[in-house]
């Protein structure tokens, strides 16, 4: 199912996983689901009124199989952007280390994935792509990155937070590389967060109103728990 959240921003609901399509300066996909989601994403791009060939850019919030698995199917995009610390893993230039429970799991899961057939470009905190500003939000993974756009009235926050459609919760310990860094990244995102209504997570229903306020509320809860 594809649903327009705000003008030019579509939610591609993949069940328990989310991808997004944005009519920015070029047609942009945010995250690419699991390897077997690629055909579904292609169909939803068509349902939103575009051709798959119109897709020119992919923004990846972080390296996890459920966000990068579908990348090999999009071999005509110009570039894939991903946080610097995760970029080599997405491109399969390096394998995740076995030194951390999270990265060891990533290393095993990555056995079912092919490398993307187009360039993977590292992006750092504060850099811009189209109308989006990248905010480095490590913790769930080392290179986890949120993409914020006031022009499109949306914040793509990946798996830094999870949504129940009303409120937000931090990435849980069993899914995170560093839970302390998750908490710090929520505070950093609150500081950087523009006034945007749509808050688009990697899992759970997006918030279509007051997304910036939901991040502020979560950040306040994190401060109180410290």
N, C-alpha and C. Protein backbone atom coordinates (compact mmCIF):
# COMPACT_ATOMS: atom_id res chain seq x y z
N UNK A 1 0.84 -1.19 0.00
CA UNK A 1 0.00 0.00 0.00
C UNK A 1 0.87 1.24 0.00
N UNK A 2 0.54 2.21 -0.86
CA UNK A 2 1.24 3.49 -0.86
C UNK A 2 0.24 4.58 -0.48
N UNK A 3 0.70 5.49 0.37
CA UNK A 3 -0.17 6.55 0.88
C UNK A 3 0.59 7.86 0.91
N UNK A 4 -0.04 8.91 0.38
CA UNK A 4 0.61 10.22 0.40
C UNK A 4 0.42 10.85 1.78
N UNK A 5 1.53 11.13 2.47
CA UNK A 5 1.50 11.67 3.82
C UNK A 5 1.36 13.18 3.82
N UNK A 6 2.02 13.81 2.88
CA UNK A 6 1.95 15.24 2.65
C UNK A 6 2.35 15.45 1.21
N UNK A 7 2.21 16.64 0.70
CA UNK A 7 2.43 16.85 -0.73
C UNK A 7 3.82 16.37 -1.16
N UNK A 8 3.84 15.40 -2.06
CA UNK A 8 5.09 14.90 -2.61
C UNK A 8 5.83 13.90 -1.76
N UNK A 9 5.21 13.40 -0.69
CA UNK A 9 5.85 12.41 0.18
C UNK A 9 4.92 11.22 0.36
N UNK A 10 5.36 10.03 -0.05
CA UNK A 10 4.53 8.82 0.02
C UNK A 10 5.16 7.80 0.96
N UNK A 11 4.31 7.18 1.74
CA UNK A 11 4.68 6.07 2.61
C UNK A 11 4.43 4.76 1.87
N UNK A 12 5.47 3.95 1.72
CA UNK A 12 5.33 2.61 1.15
C UNK A 12 5.31 1.63 2.32
N UNK A 13 4.13 1.16 2.65
CA UNK A 13 3.93 0.27 3.80
C UNK A 13 4.26 -1.16 3.38
N UNK A 14 5.33 -1.70 3.95
CA UNK A 14 5.78 -3.05 3.62
C UNK A 14 5.46 -4.02 4.75
N UNK A 15 4.37 -3.77 5.43
CA UNK A 15 4.03 -4.60 6.57
C UNK A 15 4.66 -4.04 7.82
N UNK A 16 5.62 -4.73 8.39
CA UNK A 16 6.32 -4.23 9.58
C UNK A 16 7.52 -3.36 9.21
N UNK A 17 7.68 -3.06 7.94
CA UNK A 17 8.82 -2.30 7.46
C UNK A 17 8.32 -1.14 6.60
N UNK A 18 9.06 -0.04 6.60
CA UNK A 18 8.67 1.14 5.83
C UNK A 18 9.74 1.55 4.83
N UNK A 19 9.29 2.02 3.67
CA UNK A 19 10.12 2.77 2.74
C UNK A 19 9.31 4.00 2.37
N UNK A 20 9.95 4.98 1.77
CA UNK A 20 9.27 6.23 1.44
C UNK A 20 9.72 6.72 0.06
N UNK A 21 8.83 7.41 -0.60
CA UNK A 21 9.11 8.01 -1.90
C UNK A 21 8.88 9.51 -1.78
N UNK A 22 9.82 10.30 -2.32
CA UNK A 22 9.74 11.76 -2.20
C UNK A 22 9.94 12.40 -3.56
N UNK A 23 9.03 13.29 -3.91
CA UNK A 23 9.18 14.11 -5.10
C UNK A 23 9.96 15.36 -4.72
N UNK A 24 11.28 15.22 -4.65
CA UNK A 24 12.16 16.32 -4.26
C UNK A 24 12.69 16.98 -5.53
N UNK A 25 13.92 17.49 -5.54
CA UNK A 25 14.46 18.03 -6.77
C UNK A 25 14.58 16.92 -7.82
N UNK A 26 14.79 15.67 -7.34
CA UNK A 26 14.66 14.48 -8.18
C UNK A 26 13.86 13.46 -7.37
N UNK A 27 13.27 12.50 -8.05
CA UNK A 27 12.50 11.48 -7.35
C UNK A 27 13.44 10.64 -6.50
N UNK A 28 13.10 10.53 -5.22
CA UNK A 28 14.00 9.95 -4.23
C UNK A 28 13.29 8.86 -3.43
N UNK A 29 13.96 7.73 -3.26
CA UNK A 29 13.49 6.66 -2.40
C UNK A 29 14.27 6.73 -1.09
N UNK A 30 13.57 6.57 0.02
CA UNK A 30 14.22 6.52 1.33
C UNK A 30 14.08 5.11 1.87
N UNK A 31 15.21 4.41 1.95
CA UNK A 31 15.31 3.02 2.38
C UNK A 31 14.67 2.08 1.35
N UNK A 32 15.11 0.81 1.38
CA UNK A 32 14.76 -0.10 0.28
C UNK A 32 14.29 -1.47 0.74
N UNK A 33 13.96 -1.61 2.03
CA UNK A 33 13.36 -2.84 2.50
C UNK A 33 14.29 -4.04 2.41
N UNK A 34 13.69 -5.21 2.61
CA UNK A 34 14.39 -6.49 2.51
C UNK A 34 14.57 -6.89 1.04
N UNK A 35 15.44 -7.85 0.75
CA UNK A 35 15.66 -8.22 -0.66
C UNK A 35 14.37 -8.58 -1.40
N UNK A 36 13.44 -9.23 -0.73
CA UNK A 36 12.20 -9.65 -1.40
C UNK A 36 11.13 -8.56 -1.44
N UNK A 37 11.45 -7.36 -0.95
CA UNK A 37 10.52 -6.24 -1.04
C UNK A 37 10.67 -5.44 -2.34
N UNK A 38 11.69 -5.72 -3.12
CA UNK A 38 11.99 -4.87 -4.28
C UNK A 38 10.83 -4.79 -5.27
N UNK A 39 10.22 -5.91 -5.58
CA UNK A 39 9.11 -5.89 -6.54
C UNK A 39 7.93 -5.10 -5.98
N UNK A 40 7.70 -5.22 -4.69
CA UNK A 40 6.62 -4.48 -4.05
C UNK A 40 6.88 -2.97 -4.12
N UNK A 41 8.11 -2.58 -3.86
CA UNK A 41 8.45 -1.15 -3.93
C UNK A 41 8.28 -0.63 -5.35
N UNK A 42 8.72 -1.41 -6.33
CA UNK A 42 8.54 -1.01 -7.73
C UNK A 42 7.06 -0.80 -8.05
N UNK A 43 6.21 -1.73 -7.60
CA UNK A 43 4.78 -1.61 -7.86
C UNK A 43 4.19 -0.37 -7.20
N UNK A 44 4.66 -0.04 -6.00
CA UNK A 44 4.12 1.12 -5.30
C UNK A 44 4.61 2.43 -5.92
N UNK A 45 5.80 2.42 -6.49
CA UNK A 45 6.25 3.61 -7.24
C UNK A 45 5.30 3.87 -8.41
N UNK A 46 4.92 2.82 -9.09
CA UNK A 46 3.95 2.95 -10.19
C UNK A 46 2.59 3.43 -9.67
N UNK A 47 2.16 2.89 -8.52
CA UNK A 47 0.87 3.28 -7.95
C UNK A 47 0.85 4.75 -7.54
N UNK A 48 2.02 5.30 -7.20
CA UNK A 48 2.11 6.71 -6.84
C UNK A 48 2.11 7.62 -8.06
N UNK A 49 2.16 7.02 -9.26
CA UNK A 49 2.07 7.80 -10.49
C UNK A 49 3.38 8.03 -11.21
N UNK A 50 4.40 7.28 -10.84
CA UNK A 50 5.72 7.45 -11.46
C UNK A 50 6.14 6.16 -12.16
N UNK A 51 7.14 6.27 -13.01
CA UNK A 51 7.81 5.10 -13.57
C UNK A 51 9.02 4.79 -12.69
N UNK A 52 9.36 3.52 -12.60
CA UNK A 52 10.53 3.15 -11.81
C UNK A 52 11.77 3.85 -12.36
N UNK A 53 11.79 4.06 -13.66
CA UNK A 53 12.93 4.72 -14.30
C UNK A 53 13.06 6.19 -13.89
N UNK A 54 11.99 6.76 -13.30
CA UNK A 54 12.05 8.15 -12.83
C UNK A 54 12.90 8.29 -11.57
N UNK A 55 13.12 7.19 -10.87
CA UNK A 55 13.86 7.23 -9.61
C UNK A 55 15.32 7.56 -9.88
N UNK A 56 15.82 8.61 -9.22
CA UNK A 56 17.20 9.04 -9.46
C UNK A 56 18.11 8.97 -8.24
N UNK A 57 17.52 8.85 -7.04
CA UNK A 57 18.35 8.91 -5.84
C UNK A 57 17.74 8.02 -4.76
N UNK A 58 18.61 7.42 -3.95
CA UNK A 58 18.16 6.68 -2.77
C UNK A 58 18.92 7.20 -1.55
N UNK A 59 18.16 7.53 -0.51
CA UNK A 59 18.73 7.88 0.79
C UNK A 59 18.55 6.67 1.71
N UNK A 60 19.62 6.24 2.33
CA UNK A 60 19.57 5.10 3.24
C UNK A 60 19.83 5.59 4.66
N UNK A 61 18.90 5.34 5.57
CA UNK A 61 19.08 5.82 6.94
C UNK A 61 20.14 5.06 7.69
N UNK A 62 20.34 3.76 7.35
CA UNK A 62 21.37 2.99 8.05
C UNK A 62 21.53 1.62 7.41
N UNK A 63 22.61 0.97 7.79
CA UNK A 63 22.90 -0.37 7.31
C UNK A 63 22.24 -1.42 8.20
N UNK A 64 21.13 -1.95 7.74
CA UNK A 64 20.47 -3.14 8.26
C UNK A 64 19.79 -3.79 7.06
N UNK A 65 19.68 -5.09 7.07
CA UNK A 65 19.15 -5.80 5.90
C UNK A 65 17.78 -5.30 5.50
N UNK A 66 16.93 -4.93 6.46
CA UNK A 66 15.57 -4.50 6.14
C UNK A 66 15.51 -3.07 5.62
N UNK A 67 16.66 -2.43 5.45
CA UNK A 67 16.72 -1.09 4.87
C UNK A 67 17.54 -1.05 3.59
N UNK A 68 18.41 -2.03 3.40
CA UNK A 68 19.29 -2.03 2.23
C UNK A 68 19.10 -3.23 1.32
N UNK A 69 18.28 -4.19 1.74
CA UNK A 69 18.17 -5.43 0.98
C UNK A 69 17.67 -5.28 -0.43
N UNK A 70 16.80 -4.29 -0.67
CA UNK A 70 16.24 -4.10 -2.00
C UNK A 70 17.08 -3.25 -2.93
N UNK A 71 18.19 -2.73 -2.47
CA UNK A 71 18.98 -1.80 -3.29
C UNK A 71 19.43 -2.37 -4.64
N UNK A 72 19.84 -3.63 -4.74
CA UNK A 72 20.33 -4.13 -6.03
C UNK A 72 19.29 -4.06 -7.15
N UNK A 73 18.00 -3.99 -6.81
CA UNK A 73 16.96 -3.94 -7.84
C UNK A 73 16.88 -2.60 -8.54
N UNK A 74 17.50 -1.56 -7.96
CA UNK A 74 17.38 -0.21 -8.51
C UNK A 74 18.71 0.18 -9.15
N UNK A 75 18.94 -0.39 -10.33
CA UNK A 75 20.25 -0.25 -10.96
C UNK A 75 20.35 0.94 -11.89
N UNK A 76 19.29 1.78 -11.92
CA UNK A 76 19.35 2.96 -12.78
C UNK A 76 19.40 4.27 -12.01
N UNK A 77 19.42 4.19 -10.67
CA UNK A 77 19.52 5.42 -9.90
C UNK A 77 20.93 5.97 -10.04
N UNK A 78 21.07 7.27 -9.86
CA UNK A 78 22.38 7.87 -10.02
C UNK A 78 23.29 7.62 -8.84
N UNK A 79 22.71 7.61 -7.61
CA UNK A 79 23.55 7.56 -6.43
C UNK A 79 22.74 7.11 -5.22
N UNK A 80 23.43 6.44 -4.32
CA UNK A 80 22.87 6.05 -3.03
C UNK A 80 23.66 6.79 -1.95
N UNK A 81 22.96 7.46 -1.05
CA UNK A 81 23.61 8.20 0.03
C UNK A 81 23.34 7.51 1.36
N UNK A 82 24.40 7.37 2.17
CA UNK A 82 24.27 6.70 3.46
C UNK A 82 25.32 7.28 4.41
N UNK A 83 25.00 7.29 5.70
CA UNK A 83 25.93 7.81 6.70
C UNK A 83 27.31 7.20 6.57
N UNK A 84 28.33 8.02 6.77
CA UNK A 84 29.71 7.63 6.48
C UNK A 84 30.12 6.33 7.15
N UNK A 85 29.80 6.14 8.41
CA UNK A 85 30.25 4.95 9.13
C UNK A 85 29.58 3.66 8.66
N UNK A 86 28.48 3.77 7.94
CA UNK A 86 27.78 2.60 7.41
C UNK A 86 28.02 2.38 5.91
N UNK A 87 28.63 3.35 5.24
CA UNK A 87 28.69 3.33 3.78
C UNK A 87 29.45 2.13 3.23
N UNK A 88 30.59 1.80 3.83
CA UNK A 88 31.38 0.67 3.31
C UNK A 88 30.64 -0.66 3.47
N UNK A 89 29.83 -0.76 4.51
CA UNK A 89 29.04 -1.98 4.69
C UNK A 89 27.95 -2.08 3.64
N UNK A 90 27.27 -0.97 3.37
CA UNK A 90 26.22 -0.96 2.35
C UNK A 90 26.80 -1.33 0.99
N UNK A 91 27.97 -0.78 0.68
CA UNK A 91 28.62 -1.04 -0.62
C UNK A 91 29.31 -2.40 -0.67
N UNK A 92 29.36 -3.11 0.45
CA UNK A 92 30.07 -4.39 0.57
C UNK A 92 31.57 -4.24 0.32
N UNK A 93 32.09 -3.08 0.67
CA UNK A 93 33.54 -2.89 0.63
C UNK A 93 34.19 -3.46 1.90
N UNK A 94 33.41 -3.53 2.98
CA UNK A 94 33.85 -4.13 4.23
C UNK A 94 32.71 -4.95 4.82
N UNK A 95 33.06 -5.88 5.69
CA UNK A 95 32.06 -6.68 6.39
C UNK A 95 31.94 -6.17 7.82
N UNK A 96 30.74 -6.19 8.39
CA UNK A 96 30.59 -5.76 9.78
C UNK A 96 31.46 -6.61 10.70
N UNK A 97 32.02 -6.02 11.76
CA UNK A 97 32.87 -6.78 12.67
C UNK A 97 32.07 -7.72 13.56
N UNK A 98 32.76 -8.68 14.14
CA UNK A 98 32.13 -9.64 15.04
C UNK A 98 32.22 -9.20 16.50
N UNK A 99 32.73 -8.00 16.74
CA UNK A 99 33.04 -7.54 18.10
C UNK A 99 31.82 -7.06 18.87
N UNK A 100 30.69 -6.89 18.20
CA UNK A 100 29.48 -6.37 18.84
C UNK A 100 28.31 -7.27 18.46
N UNK A 101 27.39 -7.51 19.40
CA UNK A 101 26.25 -8.39 19.12
C UNK A 101 25.47 -7.93 17.90
N UNK A 102 25.22 -6.62 17.79
CA UNK A 102 24.47 -6.07 16.67
C UNK A 102 25.22 -6.27 15.35
N UNK A 103 26.49 -5.93 15.32
CA UNK A 103 27.24 -6.03 14.07
C UNK A 103 27.47 -7.48 13.66
N UNK A 104 27.60 -8.38 14.65
CA UNK A 104 27.74 -9.80 14.32
C UNK A 104 26.47 -10.31 13.63
N UNK A 105 25.31 -9.87 14.11
CA UNK A 105 24.05 -10.26 13.47
C UNK A 105 23.98 -9.68 12.06
N UNK A 106 24.40 -8.42 11.89
CA UNK A 106 24.41 -7.81 10.57
C UNK A 106 25.29 -8.60 9.60
N UNK A 107 26.42 -9.07 10.10
CA UNK A 107 27.36 -9.80 9.25
C UNK A 107 26.72 -11.09 8.72
N UNK A 108 26.00 -11.79 9.59
CA UNK A 108 25.33 -13.01 9.17
C UNK A 108 24.20 -12.71 8.20
N UNK A 109 23.37 -11.70 8.53
CA UNK A 109 22.22 -11.35 7.68
C UNK A 109 22.67 -10.89 6.30
N UNK A 110 23.85 -10.28 6.23
CA UNK A 110 24.32 -9.73 4.96
C UNK A 110 24.70 -10.80 3.95
N UNK A 111 24.75 -12.05 4.37
CA UNK A 111 25.08 -13.14 3.46
C UNK A 111 24.02 -13.31 2.36
N UNK A 112 22.80 -12.83 2.60
CA UNK A 112 21.72 -13.00 1.62
C UNK A 112 21.57 -11.78 0.71
N UNK A 113 22.49 -10.84 0.78
CA UNK A 113 22.36 -9.59 0.03
C UNK A 113 23.48 -9.42 -0.97
N UNK A 114 23.15 -8.85 -2.12
CA UNK A 114 24.15 -8.48 -3.12
C UNK A 114 24.54 -7.02 -2.95
N UNK A 115 25.69 -6.66 -3.44
CA UNK A 115 26.13 -5.26 -3.40
C UNK A 115 25.29 -4.42 -4.35
N UNK A 116 25.01 -3.17 -4.01
CA UNK A 116 24.29 -2.29 -4.94
C UNK A 116 25.10 -2.10 -6.22
N UNK A 117 24.42 -2.00 -7.37
CA UNK A 117 25.13 -1.87 -8.64
C UNK A 117 25.44 -0.42 -9.02
N UNK A 118 25.18 0.52 -8.11
CA UNK A 118 25.43 1.95 -8.39
C UNK A 118 26.26 2.52 -7.24
N UNK A 119 26.85 3.70 -7.44
CA UNK A 119 27.75 4.26 -6.42
C UNK A 119 27.05 4.49 -5.08
N UNK A 120 27.78 4.17 -4.00
CA UNK A 120 27.33 4.45 -2.64
C UNK A 120 28.20 5.59 -2.11
N UNK A 121 27.55 6.70 -1.80
CA UNK A 121 28.27 7.91 -1.39
C UNK A 121 28.09 8.16 0.10
N UNK A 122 29.19 8.26 0.86
CA UNK A 122 29.07 8.58 2.28
C UNK A 122 28.59 10.01 2.47
N UNK A 123 27.74 10.20 3.46
CA UNK A 123 27.28 11.55 3.78
C UNK A 123 27.52 11.80 5.26
N UNK A 124 27.93 13.01 5.58
CA UNK A 124 28.28 13.35 6.96
C UNK A 124 27.27 14.31 7.56
N UNK A 125 27.35 14.44 8.87
CA UNK A 125 26.44 15.30 9.61
C UNK A 125 26.45 16.72 9.05
N UNK A 126 25.25 17.24 8.77
CA UNK A 126 25.12 18.61 8.30
C UNK A 126 25.17 18.78 6.80
N UNK A 127 25.57 17.76 6.06
CA UNK A 127 25.60 17.85 4.61
C UNK A 127 24.18 17.81 4.05
N UNK A 128 24.02 18.34 2.85
CA UNK A 128 22.70 18.38 2.24
C UNK A 128 22.68 17.59 0.94
N UNK A 129 21.49 17.01 0.67
CA UNK A 129 21.21 16.33 -0.59
C UNK A 129 19.82 16.77 -1.00
N UNK A 130 19.71 17.44 -2.16
CA UNK A 130 18.42 18.00 -2.52
C UNK A 130 17.96 18.95 -1.42
N UNK A 131 16.72 18.79 -0.96
CA UNK A 131 16.22 19.65 0.11
C UNK A 131 16.52 19.09 1.49
N UNK A 132 17.22 17.96 1.57
CA UNK A 132 17.42 17.27 2.83
C UNK A 132 18.76 17.60 3.49
N UNK A 133 18.70 17.75 4.80
CA UNK A 133 19.90 17.87 5.62
C UNK A 133 20.10 16.57 6.37
N UNK A 134 21.32 16.04 6.32
CA UNK A 134 21.66 14.81 7.01
C UNK A 134 22.05 15.13 8.45
N UNK A 135 21.46 14.40 9.41
CA UNK A 135 21.81 14.55 10.81
C UNK A 135 22.31 13.19 11.30
N UNK A 136 23.58 13.13 11.67
CA UNK A 136 24.17 11.87 12.14
C UNK A 136 23.55 11.52 13.49
N UNK A 137 22.92 10.35 13.56
CA UNK A 137 22.21 9.93 14.77
C UNK A 137 22.64 8.51 15.15
N UNK A 138 23.90 8.32 15.54
CA UNK A 138 24.40 6.97 15.81
C UNK A 138 23.75 6.34 17.04
N UNK A 139 23.89 5.03 17.12
CA UNK A 139 23.37 4.27 18.25
C UNK A 139 22.73 2.99 17.80
N UNK A 140 21.69 3.11 16.96
CA UNK A 140 21.10 1.91 16.37
C UNK A 140 22.16 1.24 15.50
N UNK A 141 22.85 2.03 14.68
CA UNK A 141 24.09 1.64 14.02
C UNK A 141 25.05 2.82 14.12
N UNK A 142 26.31 2.59 13.80
CA UNK A 142 27.31 3.65 13.93
C UNK A 142 27.08 4.79 12.94
N UNK A 143 26.56 4.47 11.77
CA UNK A 143 26.37 5.49 10.75
C UNK A 143 24.94 5.95 10.58
N UNK A 144 24.07 5.56 11.50
CA UNK A 144 22.65 5.91 11.38
C UNK A 144 22.49 7.42 11.15
N UNK A 145 21.63 7.77 10.18
CA UNK A 145 21.46 9.16 9.77
C UNK A 145 19.99 9.46 9.53
N UNK A 146 19.54 10.57 10.08
CA UNK A 146 18.19 11.08 9.80
C UNK A 146 18.30 12.10 8.67
N UNK A 147 17.22 12.21 7.88
CA UNK A 147 17.18 13.16 6.78
C UNK A 147 15.98 14.08 6.98
N UNK A 148 16.25 15.39 7.10
CA UNK A 148 15.23 16.37 7.44
C UNK A 148 15.04 17.36 6.30
N UNK A 149 13.77 17.68 5.99
CA UNK A 149 13.48 18.64 4.94
C UNK A 149 12.31 19.53 5.35
N UNK A 150 12.58 20.83 5.51
CA UNK A 150 11.47 21.75 5.77
C UNK A 150 10.66 21.98 4.50
N UNK A 151 11.31 21.91 3.34
CA UNK A 151 10.59 22.08 2.07
C UNK A 151 9.52 21.01 1.90
N UNK A 152 9.84 19.80 2.27
CA UNK A 152 8.92 18.67 2.13
C UNK A 152 8.13 18.40 3.41
N UNK A 153 8.43 19.15 4.48
CA UNK A 153 7.72 19.05 5.76
C UNK A 153 7.82 17.64 6.35
N UNK A 154 9.04 17.06 6.31
CA UNK A 154 9.18 15.67 6.75
C UNK A 154 10.55 15.43 7.37
N UNK A 155 10.58 14.53 8.34
CA UNK A 155 11.83 14.03 8.91
C UNK A 155 11.81 12.51 8.81
N UNK A 156 12.78 11.96 8.09
CA UNK A 156 12.95 10.51 8.00
C UNK A 156 13.96 10.11 9.07
N UNK A 157 13.53 9.33 10.04
CA UNK A 157 14.35 9.09 11.22
C UNK A 157 14.80 7.64 11.36
N UNK A 158 14.54 6.82 10.34
CA UNK A 158 15.03 5.45 10.36
C UNK A 158 14.60 4.69 11.59
N UNK A 159 15.55 4.01 12.23
CA UNK A 159 15.27 3.20 13.41
C UNK A 159 15.80 3.82 14.69
N UNK A 160 16.11 5.12 14.64
CA UNK A 160 16.47 5.80 15.89
C UNK A 160 15.32 5.71 16.88
N UNK A 161 14.10 5.87 16.36
CA UNK A 161 12.90 5.76 17.19
C UNK A 161 11.90 4.85 16.50
N UNK A 162 11.03 4.27 17.30
CA UNK A 162 9.94 3.44 16.79
C UNK A 162 8.62 4.14 17.11
N UNK A 163 7.61 3.92 16.27
CA UNK A 163 6.34 4.63 16.41
C UNK A 163 5.19 3.66 16.58
N UNK A 164 4.22 4.04 17.43
CA UNK A 164 2.96 3.30 17.50
C UNK A 164 1.83 4.07 16.81
N UNK A 165 2.22 5.10 16.05
CA UNK A 165 1.25 5.93 15.35
C UNK A 165 0.81 7.14 16.14
N UNK A 166 1.16 7.18 17.42
CA UNK A 166 0.78 8.31 18.29
C UNK A 166 2.01 8.89 18.97
N UNK A 167 2.84 8.04 19.53
CA UNK A 167 4.03 8.48 20.26
C UNK A 167 5.23 7.67 19.81
N UNK A 168 6.40 8.08 20.32
CA UNK A 168 7.66 7.48 19.90
C UNK A 168 8.37 6.83 21.07
N UNK A 169 9.21 5.85 20.78
CA UNK A 169 10.06 5.23 21.78
C UNK A 169 11.45 5.03 21.17
N UNK A 170 12.49 5.03 22.01
CA UNK A 170 13.85 4.86 21.48
C UNK A 170 14.05 3.47 20.90
N UNK A 171 15.00 3.36 19.99
CA UNK A 171 15.42 2.05 19.49
C UNK A 171 15.78 1.17 20.69
N UNK A 172 15.19 -0.03 20.81
CA UNK A 172 15.42 -0.86 21.99
C UNK A 172 16.83 -1.44 22.04
N UNK A 173 17.25 -1.82 23.24
CA UNK A 173 18.63 -2.26 23.45
C UNK A 173 18.99 -3.47 22.60
N UNK A 174 18.03 -4.39 22.41
CA UNK A 174 18.36 -5.63 21.71
C UNK A 174 18.51 -5.42 20.21
N UNK A 175 18.13 -4.24 19.71
CA UNK A 175 18.29 -3.93 18.29
C UNK A 175 19.35 -2.87 18.03
N UNK A 176 19.97 -2.39 19.09
CA UNK A 176 20.88 -1.25 18.95
C UNK A 176 22.33 -1.65 19.18
N UNK A 177 23.21 -0.95 18.50
CA UNK A 177 24.63 -1.18 18.69
C UNK A 177 25.11 -0.53 19.98
N UNK A 178 24.51 0.63 20.34
CA UNK A 178 24.94 1.37 21.54
C UNK A 178 23.74 2.15 22.07
N UNK A 179 23.14 1.67 23.16
CA UNK A 179 21.92 2.32 23.65
C UNK A 179 22.20 3.70 24.22
N UNK A 180 23.39 3.91 24.78
CA UNK A 180 23.74 5.24 25.26
C UNK A 180 23.79 6.24 24.12
N UNK A 181 24.36 5.81 23.00
CA UNK A 181 24.42 6.69 21.83
C UNK A 181 23.03 6.95 21.26
N UNK A 182 22.12 5.98 21.35
CA UNK A 182 20.73 6.21 20.91
C UNK A 182 20.14 7.38 21.69
N UNK A 183 20.31 7.37 23.01
CA UNK A 183 19.75 8.44 23.84
C UNK A 183 20.37 9.79 23.48
N UNK A 184 21.68 9.81 23.30
CA UNK A 184 22.35 11.06 22.93
C UNK A 184 21.88 11.55 21.55
N UNK A 185 21.65 10.62 20.64
CA UNK A 185 21.21 11.01 19.30
C UNK A 185 19.79 11.57 19.31
N UNK A 186 18.93 11.04 20.18
CA UNK A 186 17.58 11.60 20.30
C UNK A 186 17.67 13.05 20.77
N UNK A 187 18.54 13.33 21.73
CA UNK A 187 18.72 14.70 22.20
C UNK A 187 19.30 15.59 21.09
N UNK A 188 20.26 15.05 20.34
CA UNK A 188 20.86 15.82 19.25
C UNK A 188 19.84 16.10 18.15
N UNK A 189 19.00 15.11 17.86
CA UNK A 189 17.97 15.32 16.84
C UNK A 189 16.97 16.37 17.29
N UNK A 190 16.62 16.35 18.57
CA UNK A 190 15.71 17.37 19.10
C UNK A 190 16.30 18.76 18.92
N UNK A 191 17.60 18.90 19.16
CA UNK A 191 18.26 20.20 18.98
C UNK A 191 18.26 20.64 17.53
N UNK A 192 18.38 19.68 16.61
CA UNK A 192 18.49 20.01 15.18
C UNK A 192 17.15 20.04 14.47
N UNK A 193 16.11 19.55 15.12
CA UNK A 193 14.83 19.30 14.45
C UNK A 193 14.15 20.59 14.03
N UNK A 194 13.85 20.75 12.74
CA UNK A 194 13.06 21.90 12.31
C UNK A 194 11.58 21.66 12.60
N UNK A 195 10.78 22.67 12.39
CA UNK A 195 9.34 22.52 12.59
C UNK A 195 8.76 21.83 11.37
N UNK A 196 8.68 20.50 11.45
CA UNK A 196 8.07 19.69 10.39
C UNK A 196 6.98 18.84 11.02
N UNK A 197 5.94 18.59 10.28
CA UNK A 197 4.81 17.84 10.82
C UNK A 197 4.97 16.34 10.67
N UNK A 198 5.51 15.89 9.53
CA UNK A 198 5.55 14.46 9.25
C UNK A 198 6.83 13.86 9.82
N UNK A 199 6.65 12.84 10.65
CA UNK A 199 7.76 12.10 11.24
C UNK A 199 7.68 10.68 10.71
N UNK A 200 8.66 10.28 9.92
CA UNK A 200 8.60 9.02 9.17
C UNK A 200 9.66 8.05 9.68
N UNK A 201 9.25 7.06 10.51
CA UNK A 201 10.20 6.09 11.05
C UNK A 201 10.37 4.88 10.14
N UNK A 202 11.35 4.06 10.46
CA UNK A 202 11.56 2.83 9.70
C UNK A 202 10.56 1.75 10.03
N UNK A 203 9.96 1.84 11.22
CA UNK A 203 8.99 0.84 11.66
C UNK A 203 7.86 1.55 12.42
N UNK A 204 6.64 1.10 12.18
CA UNK A 204 5.49 1.73 12.81
C UNK A 204 4.89 2.80 11.92
N UNK A 205 3.68 3.22 12.26
CA UNK A 205 2.99 4.21 11.43
C UNK A 205 3.64 5.58 11.55
N UNK A 206 3.81 6.28 10.42
CA UNK A 206 4.31 7.65 10.48
C UNK A 206 3.35 8.56 11.23
N UNK A 207 3.91 9.61 11.82
CA UNK A 207 3.10 10.67 12.41
C UNK A 207 2.92 11.74 11.34
N UNK A 208 1.70 12.14 11.08
CA UNK A 208 1.44 13.10 10.01
C UNK A 208 1.17 14.50 10.53
N UNK A 209 1.20 14.66 11.85
CA UNK A 209 0.96 15.98 12.44
C UNK A 209 1.80 16.11 13.71
N UNK A 210 2.54 17.20 13.80
CA UNK A 210 3.30 17.47 15.02
C UNK A 210 4.48 16.56 15.26
N UNK A 211 5.12 16.11 14.19
CA UNK A 211 6.27 15.23 14.35
C UNK A 211 7.38 15.85 15.17
N UNK A 212 7.65 17.13 14.96
CA UNK A 212 8.71 17.81 15.71
C UNK A 212 8.38 17.84 17.20
N UNK A 213 7.09 17.97 17.53
CA UNK A 213 6.68 17.96 18.93
C UNK A 213 6.86 16.59 19.56
N UNK A 214 6.63 15.53 18.79
CA UNK A 214 6.80 14.17 19.30
C UNK A 214 8.26 13.90 19.64
N UNK A 215 9.17 14.39 18.81
CA UNK A 215 10.60 14.24 19.11
C UNK A 215 10.95 15.02 20.37
N UNK A 216 10.40 16.23 20.52
CA UNK A 216 10.66 17.03 21.72
C UNK A 216 10.17 16.32 22.98
N UNK A 217 9.00 15.70 22.90
CA UNK A 217 8.46 14.97 24.05
C UNK A 217 9.34 13.78 24.40
N UNK A 218 9.79 13.06 23.39
CA UNK A 218 10.66 11.92 23.65
C UNK A 218 11.99 12.38 24.25
N UNK A 219 12.54 13.46 23.73
CA UNK A 219 13.80 13.98 24.25
C UNK A 219 13.65 14.39 25.71
N UNK A 220 12.53 14.98 26.06
CA UNK A 220 12.29 15.37 27.46
C UNK A 220 12.23 14.13 28.35
N UNK A 221 11.61 13.07 27.86
CA UNK A 221 11.55 11.83 28.62
C UNK A 221 12.94 11.24 28.81
N UNK A 222 13.77 11.31 27.76
CA UNK A 222 15.15 10.82 27.86
C UNK A 222 15.93 11.62 28.90
N UNK A 223 15.74 12.93 28.93
CA UNK A 223 16.43 13.76 29.91
C UNK A 223 16.00 13.42 31.33
N UNK A 224 14.71 13.18 31.50
CA UNK A 224 14.20 12.86 32.84
C UNK A 224 14.72 11.52 33.34
N UNK A 225 14.95 10.59 32.41
CA UNK A 225 15.42 9.25 32.79
C UNK A 225 16.92 9.20 33.04
N UNK A 226 17.62 10.26 32.64
CA UNK A 226 19.08 10.25 32.74
C UNK A 226 19.54 10.28 34.21
